[in-house]
Amino acid sequence: MPAWPPDDDDGTLDQSGCATVTYGATPGLVIAEGVLDLSMSDRLRHAVRAAIGFRPPVVTVDLTAVRMIDARSISVLVGCRQLALDTGGDLRVTGATGLVRKVMEITGVWKSLTGDIR
């Protein structure tokens, strides 16, 4: 098994003016910051799929520092969750608040991506 985090130069997949996606210290942790929009969706997909490849029981995508998320990035998270389930794991989103949480609730993915059954 390769070492965590995956080798992406300095571990940061993008440091554009709007967003950053990095790997956390524990296997399966992906941390996003800023604005997750169309320009970040491929980088997000790459990071989450790499995390799934390590086969942790649960891949965690931390959205604590995300200010906005668009439909494309939500679609990436939904697709990656299905991939995780298909490979015997799961994917959970944590830390989503404010506008990010509202968008996830409106699009109907809040419960499935967070496990929040309240």
PDB file of N, CA and C in Angstrom:
ATOM      1  N   MET A   1       0.859  -1.186   0.000  1.00  0.00           N
ATOM      2  CA  MET A   1       0.000   0.000   0.000  1.00  0.00           C
ATOM      3  C   MET A   1       0.893   1.234   0.000  1.00  0.00           C
ATOM      4  N   PRO A   2       0.645   2.165  -0.905  1.00  0.00           N
ATOM      5  CA  PRO A   2       1.444   3.392  -0.926  1.00  0.00           C
ATOM      6  C   PRO A   2       1.203   4.233   0.323  1.00  0.00           C
ATOM      7  N   ALA A   3       2.128   5.115   0.576  1.00  0.00           N
ATOM      8  CA  ALA A   3       2.033   5.965   1.775  1.00  0.00           C
ATOM      9  C   ALA A   3       0.982   7.055   1.584  1.00  0.00           C
ATOM     10  N   TRP A   4       0.342   7.395   2.680  1.00  0.00           N
ATOM     11  CA  TRP A   4      -0.613   8.509   2.708  1.00  0.00           C
ATOM     12  C   TRP A   4       0.144   9.751   3.115  1.00  0.00           C
ATOM     13  N   PRO A   5      -0.071  10.904   2.546  1.00  0.00           N
ATOM     14  CA  PRO A   5      -1.009  11.204   1.461  1.00  0.00           C
ATOM     15  C   PRO A   5      -0.423  10.850   0.106  1.00  0.00           C
ATOM     16  N   PRO A   6      -1.270  10.744  -0.900  1.00  0.00           N
ATOM     17  CA  PRO A   6      -0.780  10.487  -2.260  1.00  0.00           C
ATOM     18  C   PRO A   6       0.227  11.548  -2.668  1.00  0.00           C
ATOM     19  N   ASP A   7       1.156  11.179  -3.528  1.00  0.00           N
ATOM     20  CA  ASP A   7       2.202  12.100  -3.951  1.00  0.00           C
ATOM     21  C   ASP A   7       1.661  13.084  -4.980  1.00  0.00           C
ATOM     22  N   ASP A   8       1.418  14.294  -4.549  1.00  0.00           N
ATOM     23  CA  ASP A   8       0.980  15.388  -5.424  1.00  0.00           C
ATOM     24  C   ASP A   8       1.890  16.578  -5.181  1.00  0.00           C
ATOM     25  N   ASP A   9       3.144  16.381  -5.453  1.00  0.00           N
ATOM     26  CA  ASP A   9       4.153  17.404  -5.193  1.00  0.00           C
ATOM     27  C   ASP A   9       4.166  17.748  -3.710  1.00  0.00           C
ATOM     28  N   ASP A  10       3.585  18.875  -3.338  1.00  0.00           N
ATOM     29  CA  ASP A  10       3.600  19.293  -1.931  1.00  0.00           C
ATOM     30  C   ASP A  10       2.335  18.877  -1.178  1.00  0.00           C
ATOM     31  N   GLY A  11       1.485  18.033  -1.802  1.00  0.00           N
ATOM     32  CA  GLY A  11       0.265  17.586  -1.142  1.00  0.00           C
ATOM     33  C   GLY A  11      -0.920  18.482  -1.402  1.00  0.00           C
ATOM     34  N   THR A  12      -0.703  19.600  -2.064  1.00  0.00           N
ATOM     35  CA  THR A  12      -1.782  20.529  -2.366  1.00  0.00           C
ATOM     36  C   THR A  12      -2.153  20.376  -3.827  1.00  0.00           C
ATOM     37  N   LEU A  13      -3.399  20.076  -4.086  1.00  0.00           N
ATOM     38  CA  LEU A  13      -3.833  19.862  -5.460  1.00  0.00           C
ATOM     39  C   LEU A  13      -4.087  21.168  -6.186  1.00  0.00           C
ATOM     40  N   ASP A  14      -4.437  22.199  -5.463  1.00  0.00           N
ATOM     41  CA  ASP A  14      -4.656  23.502  -6.106  1.00  0.00           C
ATOM     42  C   ASP A  14      -4.616  24.595  -5.059  1.00  0.00           C
ATOM     43  N   GLN A  15      -3.999  25.682  -5.439  1.00  0.00           N
ATOM     44  CA  GLN A  15      -3.997  26.864  -4.591  1.00  0.00           C
ATOM     45  C   GLN A  15      -4.352  28.069  -5.449  1.00  0.00           C
ATOM     46  N   SER A  16      -5.459  27.960  -6.145  1.00  0.00           N
ATOM     47  CA  SER A  16      -5.911  29.089  -6.950  1.00  0.00           C
ATOM     48  C   SER A  16      -6.359  30.196  -6.013  1.00  0.00           C
ATOM     49  N   GLY A  17      -6.682  31.321  -6.557  1.00  0.00           N
ATOM     50  CA  GLY A  17      -7.131  32.430  -5.733  1.00  0.00           C
ATOM     51  C   GLY A  17      -8.441  32.150  -5.027  1.00  0.00           C
ATOM     52  N   CYS A  18      -9.178  31.142  -5.482  1.00  0.00           N
ATOM     53  CA  CYS A  18     -10.515  30.892  -4.935  1.00  0.00           C
ATOM     54  C   CYS A  18     -10.613  29.667  -4.038  1.00  0.00           C
ATOM     55  N   ALA A  19      -9.750  28.675  -4.224  1.00  0.00           N
ATOM     56  CA  ALA A  19      -9.941  27.427  -3.482  1.00  0.00           C
ATOM     57  C   ALA A  19      -8.644  26.642  -3.345  1.00  0.00           C
ATOM     58  N   THR A  20      -8.656  25.735  -2.368  1.00  0.00           N
ATOM     59  CA  THR A  20      -7.560  24.808  -2.128  1.00  0.00           C
ATOM     60  C   THR A  20      -8.153  23.456  -1.776  1.00  0.00           C
ATOM     61  N   VAL A  21      -7.547  22.396  -2.284  1.00  0.00           N
ATOM     62  CA  VAL A  21      -7.912  21.038  -1.897  1.00  0.00           C
ATOM     63  C   VAL A  21      -6.620  20.354  -1.482  1.00  0.00           C
ATOM     64  N   THR A  22      -6.581  19.834  -0.257  1.00  0.00           N
ATOM     65  CA  THR A  22      -5.388  19.164   0.258  1.00  0.00           C
ATOM     66  C   THR A  22      -5.786  17.851   0.922  1.00  0.00           C
ATOM     67  N   TYR A  23      -4.777  17.048   1.209  1.00  0.00           N
ATOM     68  CA  TYR A  23      -4.994  15.816   1.946  1.00  0.00           C
ATOM     69  C   TYR A  23      -4.731  16.081   3.413  1.00  0.00           C
ATOM     70  N   GLY A  24      -5.537  15.467   4.270  1.00  0.00           N
ATOM     71  CA  GLY A  24      -5.338  15.589   5.702  1.00  0.00           C
ATOM     72  C   GLY A  24      -4.289  14.608   6.199  1.00  0.00           C
ATOM     73  N   ALA A  25      -4.013  14.667   7.482  1.00  0.00           N
ATOM     74  CA  ALA A  25      -2.977  13.833   8.078  1.00  0.00           C
ATOM     75  C   ALA A  25      -3.370  12.354   8.146  1.00  0.00           C
ATOM     76  N   THR A  26      -4.652  12.066   8.263  1.00  0.00           N
ATOM     77  CA  THR A  26      -5.081  10.678   8.365  1.00  0.00           C
ATOM     78  C   THR A  26      -5.533  10.157   7.007  1.00  0.00           C
ATOM     79  N   PRO A  27      -5.286   8.883   6.714  1.00  0.00           N
ATOM     80  CA  PRO A  27      -5.705   8.328   5.431  1.00  0.00           C
ATOM     81  C   PRO A  27      -7.205   8.503   5.213  1.00  0.00           C
ATOM     82  N   GLY A  28      -7.548   8.984   4.036  1.00  0.00           N
ATOM     83  CA  GLY A  28      -8.948   9.154   3.686  1.00  0.00           C
ATOM     84  C   GLY A  28      -9.514  10.522   3.988  1.00  0.00           C
ATOM     85  N   LEU A  29      -8.696  11.436   4.485  1.00  0.00           N
ATOM     86  CA  LEU A  29      -9.181  12.781   4.790  1.00  0.00           C
ATOM     87  C   LEU A  29      -8.796  13.750   3.677  1.00  0.00           C
ATOM     88  N   VAL A  30      -9.800  14.384   3.094  1.00  0.00           N
ATOM     89  CA  VAL A  30      -9.602  15.409   2.063  1.00  0.00           C
ATOM     90  C   VAL A  30     -10.170  16.707   2.613  1.00  0.00           C
ATOM     91  N   ILE A  31      -9.387  17.773   2.547  1.00  0.00           N
ATOM     92  CA  ILE A  31      -9.789  19.065   3.099  1.00  0.00           C
ATOM     93  C   ILE A  31      -9.917  20.073   1.965  1.00  0.00           C
ATOM     94  N   ALA A  32     -11.078  20.703   1.884  1.00  0.00           N
ATOM     95  CA  ALA A  32     -11.310  21.730   0.860  1.00  0.00           C
ATOM     96  C   ALA A  32     -11.498  23.082   1.547  1.00  0.00           C
ATOM     97  N   GLU A  33     -11.080  24.124   0.862  1.00  0.00           N
ATOM     98  CA  GLU A  33     -11.232  25.487   1.375  1.00  0.00           C
ATOM     99  C   GLU A  33     -11.640  26.405   0.239  1.00  0.00           C
ATOM    100  N   GLY A  34     -12.403  27.438   0.559  1.00  0.00           N
ATOM    101  CA  GLY A  34     -12.741  28.462  -0.423  1.00  0.00           C
ATOM    102  C   GLY A  34     -14.014  28.174  -1.185  1.00  0.00           C
ATOM    103  N   VAL A  35     -13.946  28.315  -2.499  1.00  0.00           N
ATOM    104  CA  VAL A  35     -15.108  28.173  -3.374  1.00  0.00           C
ATOM    105  C   VAL A  35     -14.940  26.923  -4.231  1.00  0.00           C
ATOM    106  N   LEU A  36     -15.841  25.948  -4.061  1.00  0.00           N
ATOM    107  CA  LEU A  36     -15.820  24.744  -4.884  1.00  0.00           C
ATOM    108  C   LEU A  36     -16.799  24.938  -6.033  1.00  0.00           C
ATOM    109  N   ASP A  37     -16.246  25.307  -7.179  1.00  0.00           N
ATOM    110  CA  ASP A  37     -17.061  25.552  -8.362  1.00  0.00           C
ATOM    111  C   ASP A  37     -16.541  24.701  -9.511  1.00  0.00           C
ATOM    112  N   LEU A  38     -17.031  24.967 -10.705  1.00  0.00           N
ATOM    113  CA  LEU A  38     -16.653  24.184 -11.887  1.00  0.00           C
ATOM    114  C   LEU A  38     -15.144  24.090 -12.055  1.00  0.00           C
ATOM    115  N   SER A  39     -14.428  25.163 -11.776  1.00  0.00           N
ATOM    116  CA  SER A  39     -12.977  25.155 -11.966  1.00  0.00           C
ATOM    117  C   SER A  39     -12.264  24.226 -10.982  1.00  0.00           C
ATOM    118  N   MET A  40     -12.908  23.855  -9.895  1.00  0.00           N
ATOM    119  CA  MET A  40     -12.299  22.992  -8.883  1.00  0.00           C
ATOM    120  C   MET A  40     -12.822  21.563  -8.907  1.00  0.00           C
ATOM    121  N   SER A  41     -13.863  21.293  -9.682  1.00  0.00           N
ATOM    122  CA  SER A  41     -14.514  19.984  -9.606  1.00  0.00           C
ATOM    123  C   SER A  41     -13.586  18.834  -9.999  1.00  0.00           C
ATOM    124  N   ASP A  42     -12.743  19.001 -11.010  1.00  0.00           N
ATOM    125  CA  ASP A  42     -11.827  17.925 -11.399  1.00  0.00           C
ATOM    126  C   ASP A  42     -10.782  17.677 -10.321  1.00  0.00           C
ATOM    127  N   ARG A  43     -10.289  18.733  -9.701  1.00  0.00           N
ATOM    128  CA  ARG A  43      -9.304  18.573  -8.633  1.00  0.00           C
ATOM    129  C   ARG A  43      -9.934  17.881  -7.416  1.00  0.00           C
ATOM    130  N   LEU A  44     -11.164  18.262  -7.111  1.00  0.00           N
ATOM    131  CA  LEU A  44     -11.875  17.621  -6.012  1.00  0.00           C
ATOM    132  C   LEU A  44     -12.066  16.134  -6.310  1.00  0.00           C
ATOM    133  N   ARG A  45     -12.512  15.821  -7.519  1.00  0.00           N
ATOM    134  CA  ARG A  45     -12.712  14.418  -7.918  1.00  0.00           C
ATOM    135  C   ARG A  45     -11.403  13.641  -7.786  1.00  0.00           C
ATOM    136  N   HIS A  46     -10.316  14.204  -8.265  1.00  0.00           N
ATOM    137  CA  HIS A  46      -9.009  13.549  -8.203  1.00  0.00           C
ATOM    138  C   HIS A  46      -8.623  13.230  -6.758  1.00  0.00           C
ATOM    139  N   ALA A  47      -8.774  14.204  -5.871  1.00  0.00           N
ATOM    140  CA  ALA A  47      -8.385  14.016  -4.473  1.00  0.00           C
ATOM    141  C   ALA A  47      -9.246  12.966  -3.790  1.00  0.00           C
ATOM    142  N   VAL A  48     -10.545  13.029  -4.007  1.00  0.00           N
ATOM    143  CA  VAL A  48     -11.450  12.087  -3.330  1.00  0.00           C
ATOM    144  C   VAL A  48     -11.257  10.678  -3.878  1.00  0.00           C
ATOM    145  N   ARG A  49     -11.088  10.542  -5.174  1.00  0.00           N
ATOM    146  CA  ARG A  49     -10.850   9.206  -5.749  1.00  0.00           C
ATOM    147  C   ARG A  49      -9.530   8.619  -5.254  1.00  0.00           C
ATOM    148  N   ALA A  50      -8.509   9.468  -5.126  1.00  0.00           N
ATOM    149  CA  ALA A  50      -7.231   8.989  -4.581  1.00  0.00           C
ATOM    150  C   ALA A  50      -7.423   8.493  -3.157  1.00  0.00           C
ATOM    151  N   ALA A  51      -8.210   9.223  -2.374  1.00  0.00           N
ATOM    152  CA  ALA A  51      -8.486   8.811  -0.997  1.00  0.00           C
ATOM    153  C   ALA A  51      -9.244   7.483  -0.969  1.00  0.00           C
ATOM    154  N   ILE A  52     -10.223   7.321  -1.846  1.00  0.00           N
ATOM    155  CA  ILE A  52     -10.980   6.068  -1.929  1.00  0.00           C
ATOM    156  C   ILE A  52     -10.038   4.914  -2.273  1.00  0.00           C
ATOM    157  N   GLY A  53      -9.053   5.183  -3.117  1.00  0.00           N
ATOM    158  CA  GLY A  53      -8.087   4.158  -3.515  1.00  0.00           C
ATOM    159  C   GLY A  53      -7.278   3.589  -2.362  1.00  0.00           C
ATOM    160  N   PHE A  54      -7.190   4.310  -1.272  1.00  0.00           N
ATOM    161  CA  PHE A  54      -6.490   3.812  -0.093  1.00  0.00           C
ATOM    162  C   PHE A  54      -7.360   2.875   0.735  1.00  0.00           C
ATOM    163  N   ARG A  55      -8.613   2.768   0.375  1.00  0.00           N
ATOM    164  CA  ARG A  55      -9.586   1.870   0.992  1.00  0.00           C
ATOM    165  C   ARG A  55      -9.775   2.063   2.505  1.00  0.00           C
ATOM    166  N   PRO A  56      -9.864   3.301   2.953  1.00  0.00           N
ATOM    167  CA  PRO A  56     -10.232   3.470   4.362  1.00  0.00           C
ATOM    168  C   PRO A  56     -11.711   3.110   4.505  1.00  0.00           C
ATOM    169  N   PRO A  57     -12.170   2.782   5.699  1.00  0.00           N
ATOM    170  CA  PRO A  57     -13.592   2.464   5.862  1.00  0.00           C
ATOM    171  C   PRO A  57     -14.485   3.628   5.444  1.00  0.00           C
ATOM    172  N   VAL A  58     -14.044   4.845   5.758  1.00  0.00           N
ATOM    173  CA  VAL A  58     -14.799   6.047   5.404  1.00  0.00           C
ATOM    174  C   VAL A  58     -13.831   7.109   4.899  1.00  0.00           C
ATOM    175  N   VAL A  59     -14.120   7.647   3.731  1.00  0.00           N
ATOM    176  CA  VAL A  59     -13.411   8.830   3.240  1.00  0.00           C
ATOM    177  C   VAL A  59     -14.160  10.036   3.784  1.00  0.00           C
ATOM    178  N   THR A  60     -13.431  10.960   4.372  1.00  0.00           N
ATOM    179  CA  THR A  60     -14.038  12.159   4.935  1.00  0.00           C
ATOM    180  C   THR A  60     -13.620  13.358   4.107  1.00  0.00           C
ATOM    181  N   VAL A  61     -14.601  14.136   3.664  1.00  0.00           N
ATOM    182  CA  VAL A  61     -14.332  15.374   2.941  1.00  0.00           C
ATOM    183  C   VAL A  61     -14.734  16.515   3.870  1.00  0.00           C
ATOM    184  N   ASP A  62     -13.740  17.241   4.342  1.00  0.00           N
ATOM    185  CA  ASP A  62     -13.954  18.323   5.296  1.00  0.00           C
ATOM    186  C   ASP A  62     -14.235  19.626   4.545  1.00  0.00           C
ATOM    187  N   LEU A  63     -15.451  20.135   4.705  1.00  0.00           N
ATOM    188  CA  LEU A  63     -15.862  21.371   4.033  1.00  0.00           C
ATOM    189  C   LEU A  63     -15.958  22.549   5.008  1.00  0.00           C
ATOM    190  N   THR A  64     -15.330  22.442   6.162  1.00  0.00           N
ATOM    191  CA  THR A  64     -15.412  23.486   7.176  1.00  0.00           C
ATOM    192  C   THR A  64     -15.061  24.860   6.618  1.00  0.00           C
ATOM    193  N   ALA A  65     -14.035  24.940   5.794  1.00  0.00           N
ATOM    194  CA  ALA A  65     -13.561  26.227   5.283  1.00  0.00           C
ATOM    195  C   ALA A  65     -14.062  26.543   3.874  1.00  0.00           C
ATOM    196  N   VAL A  66     -15.083  25.821   3.417  1.00  0.00           N
ATOM    197  CA  VAL A  66     -15.666  26.091   2.092  1.00  0.00           C
ATOM    198  C   VAL A  66     -16.763  27.132   2.245  1.00  0.00           C
ATOM    199  N   ARG A  67     -16.682  28.186   1.442  1.00  0.00           N
ATOM    200  CA  ARG A  67     -17.666  29.272   1.502  1.00  0.00           C
ATOM    201  C   ARG A  67     -18.832  29.070   0.556  1.00  0.00           C
ATOM    202  N   MET A  68     -18.597  28.348  -0.552  1.00  0.00           N
ATOM    203  CA  MET A  68     -19.629  28.145  -1.562  1.00  0.00           C
ATOM    204  C   MET A  68     -19.337  26.856  -2.296  1.00  0.00           C
ATOM    205  N   ILE A  69     -20.411  26.160  -2.686  1.00  0.00           N
ATOM    206  CA  ILE A  69     -20.271  24.938  -3.468  1.00  0.00           C
ATOM    207  C   ILE A  69     -21.320  24.976  -4.571  1.00  0.00           C
ATOM    208  N   ASP A  70     -20.937  24.548  -5.768  1.00  0.00           N
ATOM    209  CA  ASP A  70     -21.899  24.555  -6.869  1.00  0.00           C
ATOM    210  C   ASP A  70     -22.378  23.140  -7.174  1.00  0.00           C
ATOM    211  N   ALA A  71     -23.321  23.050  -8.087  1.00  0.00           N
ATOM    212  CA  ALA A  71     -23.943  21.769  -8.421  1.00  0.00           C
ATOM    213  C   ALA A  71     -22.935  20.760  -8.958  1.00  0.00           C
ATOM    214  N   ARG A  72     -21.964  21.223  -9.712  1.00  0.00           N
ATOM    215  CA  ARG A  72     -20.957  20.316 -10.270  1.00  0.00           C
ATOM    216  C   ARG A  72     -20.152  19.647  -9.157  1.00  0.00           C
ATOM    217  N   SER A  73     -19.725  20.421  -8.173  1.00  0.00           N
ATOM    218  CA  SER A  73     -18.949  19.855  -7.063  1.00  0.00           C
ATOM    219  C   SER A  73     -19.801  18.932  -6.209  1.00  0.00           C
ATOM    220  N   ILE A  74     -21.073  19.248  -6.039  1.00  0.00           N
ATOM    221  CA  ILE A  74     -21.980  18.346  -5.327  1.00  0.00           C
ATOM    222  C   ILE A  74     -22.115  17.043  -6.101  1.00  0.00           C
ATOM    223  N   SER A  75     -22.224  17.137  -7.411  1.00  0.00           N
ATOM    224  CA  SER A  75     -22.304  15.948  -8.247  1.00  0.00           C
ATOM    225  C   SER A  75     -21.050  15.083  -8.090  1.00  0.00           C
ATOM    226  N   VAL A  76     -19.895  15.713  -8.004  1.00  0.00           N
ATOM    227  CA  VAL A  76     -18.643  14.988  -7.780  1.00  0.00           C
ATOM    228  C   VAL A  76     -18.712  14.225  -6.460  1.00  0.00           C
ATOM    229  N   LEU A  77     -19.168  14.885  -5.409  1.00  0.00           N
ATOM    230  CA  LEU A  77     -19.257  14.231  -4.102  1.00  0.00           C
ATOM    231  C   LEU A  77     -20.235  13.062  -4.125  1.00  0.00           C
ATOM    232  N   VAL A  78     -21.376  13.236  -4.776  1.00  0.00           N
ATOM    233  CA  VAL A  78     -22.364  12.157  -4.875  1.00  0.00           C
ATOM    234  C   VAL A  78     -21.779  10.978  -5.657  1.00  0.00           C
ATOM    235  N   GLY A  79     -21.135  11.254  -6.780  1.00  0.00           N
ATOM    236  CA  GLY A  79     -20.522  10.194  -7.584  1.00  0.00           C
ATOM    237  C   GLY A  79     -19.409   9.472  -6.838  1.00  0.00           C
ATOM    238  N   CYS A  80     -18.610  10.229  -6.109  1.00  0.00           N
ATOM    239  CA  CYS A  80     -17.530   9.623  -5.334  1.00  0.00           C
ATOM    240  C   CYS A  80     -18.073   8.802  -4.169  1.00  0.00           C
ATOM    241  N   ARG A  81     -19.170   9.240  -3.585  1.00  0.00           N
ATOM    242  CA  ARG A  81     -19.776   8.426  -2.518  1.00  0.00           C
ATOM    243  C   ARG A  81     -20.229   7.086  -3.083  1.00  0.00           C
ATOM    244  N   GLN A  82     -20.822   7.112  -4.267  1.00  0.00           N
ATOM    245  CA  GLN A  82     -21.260   5.857  -4.878  1.00  0.00           C
ATOM    246  C   GLN A  82     -20.060   4.958  -5.163  1.00  0.00           C
ATOM    247  N   LEU A  83     -18.963   5.540  -5.639  1.00  0.00           N
ATOM    248  CA  LEU A  83     -17.744   4.761  -5.873  1.00  0.00           C
ATOM    249  C   LEU A  83     -17.243   4.147  -4.565  1.00  0.00           C
ATOM    250  N   ALA A  84     -17.249   4.934  -3.501  1.00  0.00           N
ATOM    251  CA  ALA A  84     -16.811   4.418  -2.199  1.00  0.00           C
ATOM    252  C   ALA A  84     -17.704   3.258  -1.754  1.00  0.00           C
ATOM    253  N   LEU A  85     -19.008   3.411  -1.894  1.00  0.00           N
ATOM    254  CA  LEU A  85     -19.934   2.339  -1.521  1.00  0.00           C
ATOM    255  C   LEU A  85     -19.699   1.093  -2.365  1.00  0.00           C
ATOM    256  N   ASP A  86     -19.469   1.295  -3.669  1.00  0.00           N
ATOM    257  CA  ASP A  86     -19.246   0.169  -4.577  1.00  0.00           C
ATOM    258  C   ASP A  86     -17.968  -0.599  -4.243  1.00  0.00           C
ATOM    259  N   THR A  87     -17.025   0.061  -3.586  1.00  0.00           N
ATOM    260  CA  THR A  87     -15.752  -0.585  -3.245  1.00  0.00           C
ATOM    261  C   THR A  87     -15.690  -0.994  -1.770  1.00  0.00           C
ATOM    262  N   GLY A  88     -16.846  -1.000  -1.108  1.00  0.00           N
ATOM    263  CA  GLY A  88     -16.916  -1.488   0.259  1.00  0.00           C
ATOM    264  C   GLY A  88     -16.670  -0.458   1.344  1.00  0.00           C
ATOM    265  N   GLY A  89     -16.611   0.811   0.979  1.00  0.00           N
ATOM    266  CA  GLY A  89     -16.400   1.865   1.964  1.00  0.00           C
ATOM    267  C   GLY A  89     -17.577   2.814   1.999  1.00  0.00           C
ATOM    268  N   ASP A  90     -17.291   4.032   2.418  1.00  0.00           N
ATOM    269  CA  ASP A  90     -18.308   5.068   2.438  1.00  0.00           C
ATOM    270  C   ASP A  90     -17.603   6.418   2.320  1.00  0.00           C
ATOM    271  N   LEU A  91     -18.378   7.443   2.111  1.00  0.00           N
ATOM    272  CA  LEU A  91     -17.874   8.809   2.043  1.00  0.00           C
ATOM    273  C   LEU A  91     -18.802   9.676   2.869  1.00  0.00           C
ATOM    274  N   ARG A  92     -18.213  10.523   3.683  1.00  0.00           N
ATOM    275  CA  ARG A  92     -18.984  11.457   4.496  1.00  0.00           C
ATOM    276  C   ARG A  92     -18.400  12.849   4.356  1.00  0.00           C
ATOM    277  N   VAL A  93     -19.291  13.810   4.275  1.00  0.00           N
ATOM    278  CA  VAL A  93     -18.920  15.218   4.270  1.00  0.00           C
ATOM    279  C   VAL A  93     -19.082  15.735   5.689  1.00  0.00           C
ATOM    280  N   THR A  94     -18.106  16.503   6.154  1.00  0.00           N
ATOM    281  CA  THR A  94     -18.181  17.105   7.487  1.00  0.00           C
ATOM    282  C   THR A  94     -17.949  18.607   7.384  1.00  0.00           C
ATOM    283  N   GLY A  95     -18.382  19.322   8.393  1.00  0.00           N
ATOM    284  CA  GLY A  95     -18.061  20.735   8.525  1.00  0.00           C
ATOM    285  C   GLY A  95     -18.836  21.697   7.661  1.00  0.00           C
ATOM    286  N   ALA A  96     -19.788  21.229   6.889  1.00  0.00           N
ATOM    287  CA  ALA A  96     -20.547  22.119   6.004  1.00  0.00           C
ATOM    288  C   ALA A  96     -21.513  22.965   6.820  1.00  0.00           C
ATOM    289  N   THR A  97     -21.422  24.272   6.650  1.00  0.00           N
ATOM    290  CA  THR A  97     -22.309  25.198   7.355  1.00  0.00           C
ATOM    291  C   THR A  97     -22.767  26.292   6.392  1.00  0.00           C
ATOM    292  N   GLY A  98     -23.662  27.134   6.860  1.00  0.00           N
ATOM    293  CA  GLY A  98     -24.087  28.308   6.095  1.00  0.00           C
ATOM    294  C   GLY A  98     -24.594  27.974   4.709  1.00  0.00           C
ATOM    295  N   LEU A  99     -24.090  28.707   3.722  1.00  0.00           N
ATOM    296  CA  LEU A  99     -24.522  28.545   2.329  1.00  0.00           C
ATOM    297  C   LEU A  99     -24.234  27.142   1.799  1.00  0.00           C
ATOM    298  N   VAL A 100     -23.110  26.587   2.185  1.00  0.00           N
ATOM    299  CA  VAL A 100     -22.753  25.242   1.709  1.00  0.00           C
ATOM    300  C   VAL A 100     -23.791  24.221   2.194  1.00  0.00           C
ATOM    301  N   ARG A 101     -24.125  24.304   3.463  1.00  0.00           N
ATOM    302  CA  ARG A 101     -25.138  23.389   3.997  1.00  0.00           C
ATOM    303  C   ARG A 101     -26.483  23.629   3.307  1.00  0.00           C
ATOM    304  N   LYS A 102     -26.869  24.877   3.142  1.00  0.00           N
ATOM    305  CA  LYS A 102     -28.154  25.215   2.519  1.00  0.00           C
ATOM    306  C   LYS A 102     -28.243  24.631   1.109  1.00  0.00           C
ATOM    307  N   VAL A 103     -27.181  24.787   0.326  1.00  0.00           N
ATOM    308  CA  VAL A 103     -27.166  24.251  -1.043  1.00  0.00           C
ATOM    309  C   VAL A 103     -27.290  22.723  -1.008  1.00  0.00           C
ATOM    310  N   MET A 104     -26.607  22.089  -0.066  1.00  0.00           N
ATOM    311  CA  MET A 104     -26.697  20.632   0.044  1.00  0.00           C
ATOM    312  C   MET A 104     -28.098  20.196   0.456  1.00  0.00           C
ATOM    313  N   GLU A 105     -28.738  20.959   1.318  1.00  0.00           N
ATOM    314  CA  GLU A 105     -30.114  20.634   1.716  1.00  0.00           C
ATOM    315  C   GLU A 105     -31.082  20.835   0.553  1.00  0.00           C
ATOM    316  N   ILE A 106     -30.957  21.948  -0.155  1.00  0.00           N
ATOM    317  CA  ILE A 106     -31.852  22.250  -1.273  1.00  0.00           C
ATOM    318  C   ILE A 106     -31.735  21.198  -2.374  1.00  0.00           C
ATOM    319  N   THR A 107     -30.508  20.742  -2.620  1.00  0.00           N
ATOM    320  CA  THR A 107     -30.304  19.747  -3.679  1.00  0.00           C
ATOM    321  C   THR A 107     -30.631  18.332  -3.226  1.00  0.00           C
ATOM    322  N   GLY A 108     -30.961  18.175  -1.941  1.00  0.00           N
ATOM    323  CA  GLY A 108     -31.395  16.875  -1.450  1.00  0.00           C
ATOM    324  C   GLY A 108     -30.291  15.882  -1.127  1.00  0.00           C
ATOM    325  N   VAL A 109     -29.053  16.339  -0.976  1.00  0.00           N
ATOM    326  CA  VAL A 109     -27.950  15.418  -0.711  1.00  0.00           C
ATOM    327  C   VAL A 109     -27.432  15.493   0.727  1.00  0.00           C
ATOM    328  N   TRP A 110     -27.973  16.411   1.517  1.00  0.00           N
ATOM    329  CA  TRP A 110     -27.456  16.626   2.876  1.00  0.00           C
ATOM    330  C   TRP A 110     -27.419  15.330   3.691  1.00  0.00           C
ATOM    331  N   LYS A 111     -28.534  14.629   3.771  1.00  0.00           N
ATOM    332  CA  LYS A 111     -28.598  13.431   4.603  1.00  0.00           C
ATOM    333  C   LYS A 111     -27.675  12.323   4.106  1.00  0.00           C
ATOM    334  N   SER A 112     -27.655  12.107   2.802  1.00  0.00           N
ATOM    335  CA  SER A 112     -26.844  11.002   2.283  1.00  0.00           C
ATOM    336  C   SER A 112     -25.350  11.286   2.384  1.00  0.00           C
ATOM    337  N   LEU A 113     -24.951  12.545   2.225  1.00  0.00           N
ATOM    338  CA  LEU A 113     -23.512  12.849   2.274  1.00  0.00           C
ATOM    339  C   LEU A 113     -22.994  13.093   3.683  1.00  0.00           C
ATOM    340  N   THR A 114     -23.854  13.455   4.600  1.00  0.00           N
ATOM    341  CA  THR A 114     -23.391  13.730   5.962  1.00  0.00           C
ATOM    342  C   THR A 114     -23.782  12.649   6.961  1.00  0.00           C
ATOM    343  N   GLY A 115     -24.783  11.855   6.615  1.00  0.00           N
ATOM    344  CA  GLY A 115     -25.298  10.874   7.557  1.00  0.00           C
ATOM    345  C   GLY A 115     -26.193  11.488   8.618  1.00  0.00           C
ATOM    346  N   ASP A 116     -26.511  12.771   8.466  1.00  0.00           N
ATOM    347  CA  ASP A 116     -27.342  13.487   9.415  1.00  0.00           C
ATOM    348  C   ASP A 116     -28.802  13.106   9.175  1.00  0.00           C
ATOM    349  N   ILE A 117     -29.368  12.382  10.095  1.00  0.00           N
ATOM    350  CA  ILE A 117     -30.752  11.932   9.923  1.00  0.00           C
ATOM    351  C   ILE A 117     -31.744  12.772  10.705  1.00  0.00           C
ATOM    352  N   ARG A 118     -31.273  13.894  11.277  1.00  0.00           N
ATOM    353  CA  ARG A 118     -32.179  14.763  12.032  1.00  0.00           C
ATOM    354  C   ARG A 118     -33.121  15.480  11.117  1.00  0.00           C
TER     355      ARG A 118
END
